[in-house]
Amino acid sequence: MPEAHFEVEIKRKTHLFAIDTELANKLTEIAKSREISSEALINVWLKDKIQEQM
């Protein structure tokens, strides 16, 4: 098999955080009602909260 050469540019990192099960369930419920993913909802909320702190 011939050797392959290629470059990979990683632009985004994913970080995982543990959250309480009850909190995750409520978050999922809210995200579904807004028809967005839980991940998207968390990111929006965290960005808003960080902006408030700056």
PDB file of N, CA and C in Angstrom:
ATOM      1  N   MET A   1       0.854  -1.180   0.000  1.00  0.00           N
ATOM      2  CA  MET A   1       0.000   0.000   0.000  1.00  0.00           C
ATOM      3  C   MET A   1       0.899   1.242   0.000  1.00  0.00           C
ATOM      4  N   PRO A   2       0.629   2.214  -0.875  1.00  0.00           N
ATOM      5  CA  PRO A   2       1.472   3.415  -0.935  1.00  0.00           C
ATOM      6  C   PRO A   2       1.271   4.308   0.291  1.00  0.00           C
ATOM      7  N   GLU A   3       2.330   4.998   0.651  1.00  0.00           N
ATOM      8  CA  GLU A   3       2.274   5.906   1.797  1.00  0.00           C
ATOM      9  C   GLU A   3       1.469   7.155   1.429  1.00  0.00           C
ATOM     10  N   ALA A   4       0.633   7.603   2.340  1.00  0.00           N
ATOM     11  CA  ALA A   4      -0.206   8.778   2.102  1.00  0.00           C
ATOM     12  C   ALA A   4       0.303   9.946   2.937  1.00  0.00           C
ATOM     13  N   HIS A   5       0.284  11.129   2.349  1.00  0.00           N
ATOM     14  CA  HIS A   5       0.681  12.348   3.054  1.00  0.00           C
ATOM     15  C   HIS A   5      -0.476  13.337   3.013  1.00  0.00           C
ATOM     16  N   PHE A   6      -0.805  13.895   4.154  1.00  0.00           N
ATOM     17  CA  PHE A   6      -1.864  14.886   4.209  1.00  0.00           C
ATOM     18  C   PHE A   6      -1.694  15.736   5.450  1.00  0.00           C
ATOM     19  N   GLU A   7      -2.301  16.913   5.430  1.00  0.00           N
ATOM     20  CA  GLU A   7      -2.271  17.808   6.576  1.00  0.00           C
ATOM     21  C   GLU A   7      -3.656  17.885   7.202  1.00  0.00           C
ATOM     22  N   VAL A   8      -3.672  17.999   8.510  1.00  0.00           N
ATOM     23  CA  VAL A   8      -4.927  18.140   9.232  1.00  0.00           C
ATOM     24  C   VAL A   8      -4.860  19.430  10.034  1.00  0.00           C
ATOM     25  N   GLU A   9      -5.862  20.270   9.863  1.00  0.00           N
ATOM     26  CA  GLU A   9      -5.930  21.511  10.617  1.00  0.00           C
ATOM     27  C   GLU A   9      -7.139  21.439  11.544  1.00  0.00           C
ATOM     28  N   ILE A  10      -6.876  21.304  12.817  1.00  0.00           N
ATOM     29  CA  ILE A  10      -7.955  21.224  13.799  1.00  0.00           C
ATOM     30  C   ILE A  10      -8.282  22.645  14.244  1.00  0.00           C
ATOM     31  N   LYS A  11      -9.497  23.060  13.990  1.00  0.00           N
ATOM     32  CA  LYS A  11      -9.902  24.424  14.299  1.00  0.00           C
ATOM     33  C   LYS A  11     -10.719  24.523  15.578  1.00  0.00           C
ATOM     34  N   ARG A  12     -11.246  23.412  16.031  1.00  0.00           N
ATOM     35  CA  ARG A  12     -12.152  23.477  17.162  1.00  0.00           C
ATOM     36  C   ARG A  12     -11.850  22.341  18.133  1.00  0.00           C
ATOM     37  N   LYS A  13     -11.901  22.645  19.406  1.00  0.00           N
ATOM     38  CA  LYS A  13     -11.726  21.630  20.441  1.00  0.00           C
ATOM     39  C   LYS A  13     -13.065  21.418  21.125  1.00  0.00           C
ATOM     40  N   THR A  14     -13.287  20.225  21.595  1.00  0.00           N
ATOM     41  CA  THR A  14     -14.487  19.905  22.348  1.00  0.00           C
ATOM     42  C   THR A  14     -14.088  19.627  23.789  1.00  0.00           C
ATOM     43  N   HIS A  15     -14.803  20.234  24.706  1.00  0.00           N
ATOM     44  CA  HIS A  15     -14.550  20.020  26.134  1.00  0.00           C
ATOM     45  C   HIS A  15     -15.801  19.401  26.744  1.00  0.00           C
ATOM     46  N   LEU A  16     -15.607  18.408  27.557  1.00  0.00           N
ATOM     47  CA  LEU A  16     -16.721  17.720  28.197  1.00  0.00           C
ATOM     48  C   LEU A  16     -16.757  18.084  29.675  1.00  0.00           C
ATOM     49  N   PHE A  17     -17.957  18.404  30.173  1.00  0.00           N
ATOM     50  CA  PHE A  17     -18.147  18.733  31.575  1.00  0.00           C
ATOM     51  C   PHE A  17     -19.267  17.866  32.136  1.00  0.00           C
ATOM     52  N   ALA A  18     -19.076  17.368  33.323  1.00  0.00           N
ATOM     53  CA  ALA A  18     -20.112  16.568  33.975  1.00  0.00           C
ATOM     54  C   ALA A  18     -21.132  17.512  34.611  1.00  0.00           C
ATOM     55  N   ILE A  19     -22.418  17.212  34.422  1.00  0.00           N
ATOM     56  CA  ILE A  19     -23.472  17.981  35.090  1.00  0.00           C
ATOM     57  C   ILE A  19     -24.443  17.016  35.758  1.00  0.00           C
ATOM     58  N   ASP A  20     -25.139  17.525  36.721  1.00  0.00           N
ATOM     59  CA  ASP A  20     -26.119  16.756  37.472  1.00  0.00           C
ATOM     60  C   ASP A  20     -27.198  16.195  36.532  1.00  0.00           C
ATOM     61  N   THR A  21     -27.646  14.979  36.771  1.00  0.00           N
ATOM     62  CA  THR A  21     -28.642  14.329  35.922  1.00  0.00           C
ATOM     63  C   THR A  21     -29.934  15.117  35.840  1.00  0.00           C
ATOM     64  N   GLU A  22     -30.417  15.611  36.957  1.00  0.00           N
ATOM     65  CA  GLU A  22     -31.668  16.382  36.968  1.00  0.00           C
ATOM     66  C   GLU A  22     -31.520  17.662  36.139  1.00  0.00           C
ATOM     67  N   LEU A  23     -30.384  18.316  36.280  1.00  0.00           N
ATOM     68  CA  LEU A  23     -30.113  19.519  35.503  1.00  0.00           C
ATOM     69  C   LEU A  23     -30.046  19.203  34.007  1.00  0.00           C
ATOM     70  N   ALA A  24     -29.404  18.100  33.658  1.00  0.00           N
ATOM     71  CA  ALA A  24     -29.308  17.680  32.250  1.00  0.00           C
ATOM     72  C   ALA A  24     -30.692  17.383  31.674  1.00  0.00           C
ATOM     73  N   ASN A  25     -31.539  16.754  32.460  1.00  0.00           N
ATOM     74  CA  ASN A  25     -32.895  16.443  31.996  1.00  0.00           C
ATOM     75  C   ASN A  25     -33.693  17.718  31.728  1.00  0.00           C
ATOM     76  N   LYS A  26     -33.601  18.684  32.633  1.00  0.00           N
ATOM     77  CA  LYS A  26     -34.313  19.949  32.453  1.00  0.00           C
ATOM     78  C   LYS A  26     -33.772  20.708  31.245  1.00  0.00           C
ATOM     79  N   LEU A  27     -32.469  20.692  31.109  1.00  0.00           N
ATOM     80  CA  LEU A  27     -31.834  21.360  29.977  1.00  0.00           C
ATOM     81  C   LEU A  27     -32.292  20.747  28.652  1.00  0.00           C
ATOM     82  N   THR A  28     -32.335  19.434  28.588  1.00  0.00           N
ATOM     83  CA  THR A  28     -32.783  18.739  27.382  1.00  0.00           C
ATOM     84  C   THR A  28     -34.228  19.085  27.064  1.00  0.00           C
ATOM     85  N   GLU A  29     -35.040  19.160  28.082  1.00  0.00           N
ATOM     86  CA  GLU A  29     -36.458  19.518  27.920  1.00  0.00           C
ATOM     87  C   GLU A  29     -36.608  20.924  27.332  1.00  0.00           C
ATOM     88  N   ILE A  30     -35.855  21.863  27.870  1.00  0.00           N
ATOM     89  CA  ILE A  30     -35.903  23.248  27.378  1.00  0.00           C
ATOM     90  C   ILE A  30     -35.395  23.313  25.939  1.00  0.00           C
ATOM     91  N   ALA A  31     -34.302  22.628  25.659  1.00  0.00           N
ATOM     92  CA  ALA A  31     -33.735  22.629  24.306  1.00  0.00           C
ATOM     93  C   ALA A  31     -34.734  22.059  23.298  1.00  0.00           C
ATOM     94  N   LYS A  32     -35.396  20.976  23.657  1.00  0.00           N
ATOM     95  CA  LYS A  32     -36.396  20.384  22.756  1.00  0.00           C
ATOM     96  C   LYS A  32     -37.539  21.347  22.497  1.00  0.00           C
ATOM     97  N   SER A  33     -37.977  22.061  23.528  1.00  0.00           N
ATOM     98  CA  SER A  33     -39.085  23.004  23.359  1.00  0.00           C
ATOM     99  C   SER A  33     -38.686  24.162  22.441  1.00  0.00           C
ATOM    100  N   ARG A  34     -37.387  24.470  22.386  1.00  0.00           N
ATOM    101  CA  ARG A  34     -36.892  25.551  21.514  1.00  0.00           C
ATOM    102  C   ARG A  34     -36.398  25.015  20.170  1.00  0.00           C
ATOM    103  N   GLU A  35     -36.497  23.710  20.018  1.00  0.00           N
ATOM    104  CA  GLU A  35     -36.081  23.020  18.787  1.00  0.00           C
ATOM    105  C   GLU A  35     -34.620  23.288  18.432  1.00  0.00           C
ATOM    106  N   ILE A  36     -33.767  23.224  19.469  1.00  0.00           N
ATOM    107  CA  ILE A  36     -32.326  23.309  19.263  1.00  0.00           C
ATOM    108  C   ILE A  36     -31.674  22.199  20.070  1.00  0.00           C
ATOM    109  N   SER A  37     -30.412  21.945  19.808  1.00  0.00           N
ATOM    110  CA  SER A  37     -29.711  20.900  20.554  1.00  0.00           C
ATOM    111  C   SER A  37     -29.375  21.401  21.958  1.00  0.00           C
ATOM    112  N   SER A  38     -29.197  20.469  22.860  1.00  0.00           N
ATOM    113  CA  SER A  38     -28.786  20.826  24.227  1.00  0.00           C
ATOM    114  C   SER A  38     -27.437  21.532  24.188  1.00  0.00           C
ATOM    115  N   GLU A  39     -26.550  21.063  23.336  1.00  0.00           N
ATOM    116  CA  GLU A  39     -25.226  21.676  23.201  1.00  0.00           C
ATOM    117  C   GLU A  39     -25.339  23.141  22.781  1.00  0.00           C
ATOM    118  N   ALA A  40     -26.197  23.433  21.808  1.00  0.00           N
ATOM    119  CA  ALA A  40     -26.375  24.808  21.336  1.00  0.00           C
ATOM    120  C   ALA A  40     -26.935  25.685  22.453  1.00  0.00           C
ATOM    121  N   LEU A  41     -27.906  25.171  23.184  1.00  0.00           N
ATOM    122  CA  LEU A  41     -28.508  25.922  24.287  1.00  0.00           C
ATOM    123  C   LEU A  41     -27.467  26.235  25.363  1.00  0.00           C
ATOM    124  N   ILE A  42     -26.687  25.252  25.720  1.00  0.00           N
ATOM    125  CA  ILE A  42     -25.645  25.453  26.733  1.00  0.00           C
ATOM    126  C   ILE A  42     -24.659  26.517  26.276  1.00  0.00           C
ATOM    127  N   ASN A  43     -24.226  26.442  25.026  1.00  0.00           N
ATOM    128  CA  ASN A  43     -23.267  27.419  24.512  1.00  0.00           C
ATOM    129  C   ASN A  43     -23.828  28.834  24.523  1.00  0.00           C
ATOM    130  N   VAL A  44     -25.091  29.000  24.129  1.00  0.00           N
ATOM    131  CA  VAL A  44     -25.720  30.322  24.138  1.00  0.00           C
ATOM    132  C   VAL A  44     -25.790  30.855  25.563  1.00  0.00           C
ATOM    133  N   TRP A  45     -26.254  30.019  26.479  1.00  0.00           N
ATOM    134  CA  TRP A  45     -26.389  30.458  27.864  1.00  0.00           C
ATOM    135  C   TRP A  45     -25.036  30.805  28.485  1.00  0.00           C
ATOM    136  N   LEU A  46     -24.036  29.989  28.223  1.00  0.00           N
ATOM    137  CA  LEU A  46     -22.713  30.256  28.791  1.00  0.00           C
ATOM    138  C   LEU A  46     -22.101  31.528  28.204  1.00  0.00           C
ATOM    139  N   LYS A  47     -22.258  31.736  26.910  1.00  0.00           N
ATOM    140  CA  LYS A  47     -21.755  32.969  26.290  1.00  0.00           C
ATOM    141  C   LYS A  47     -22.415  34.186  26.914  1.00  0.00           C
ATOM    142  N   ASP A  48     -23.736  34.120  27.110  1.00  0.00           N
ATOM    143  CA  ASP A  48     -24.458  35.220  27.737  1.00  0.00           C
ATOM    144  C   ASP A  48     -23.951  35.487  29.159  1.00  0.00           C
ATOM    145  N   LYS A  49     -23.764  34.426  29.908  1.00  0.00           N
ATOM    146  CA  LYS A  49     -23.330  34.561  31.298  1.00  0.00           C
ATOM    147  C   LYS A  49     -21.913  35.126  31.365  1.00  0.00           C
ATOM    148  N   ILE A  50     -21.045  34.692  30.478  1.00  0.00           N
ATOM    149  CA  ILE A  50     -19.678  35.206  30.443  1.00  0.00           C
ATOM    150  C   ILE A  50     -19.671  36.688  30.090  1.00  0.00           C
ATOM    151  N   GLN A  51     -20.509  37.083  29.132  1.00  0.00           N
ATOM    152  CA  GLN A  51     -20.596  38.501  28.753  1.00  0.00           C
ATOM    153  C   GLN A  51     -21.052  39.354  29.940  1.00  0.00           C
ATOM    154  N   GLU A  52     -21.968  38.834  30.736  1.00  0.00           N
ATOM    155  CA  GLU A  52     -22.435  39.566  31.923  1.00  0.00           C
ATOM    156  C   GLU A  52     -21.302  39.805  32.923  1.00  0.00           C
ATOM    157  N   GLN A  53     -20.363  38.874  32.992  1.00  0.00           N
ATOM    158  CA  GLN A  53     -19.279  38.931  33.978  1.00  0.00           C
ATOM    159  C   GLN A  53     -18.123  39.816  33.541  1.00  0.00           C
ATOM    160  N   MET A  54     -18.108  40.232  32.297  1.00  0.00           N
ATOM    161  CA  MET A  54     -16.978  41.017  31.789  1.00  0.00           C
ATOM    162  C   MET A  54     -17.251  42.494  31.859  1.00  0.00           C
TER     163      MET A  54
END
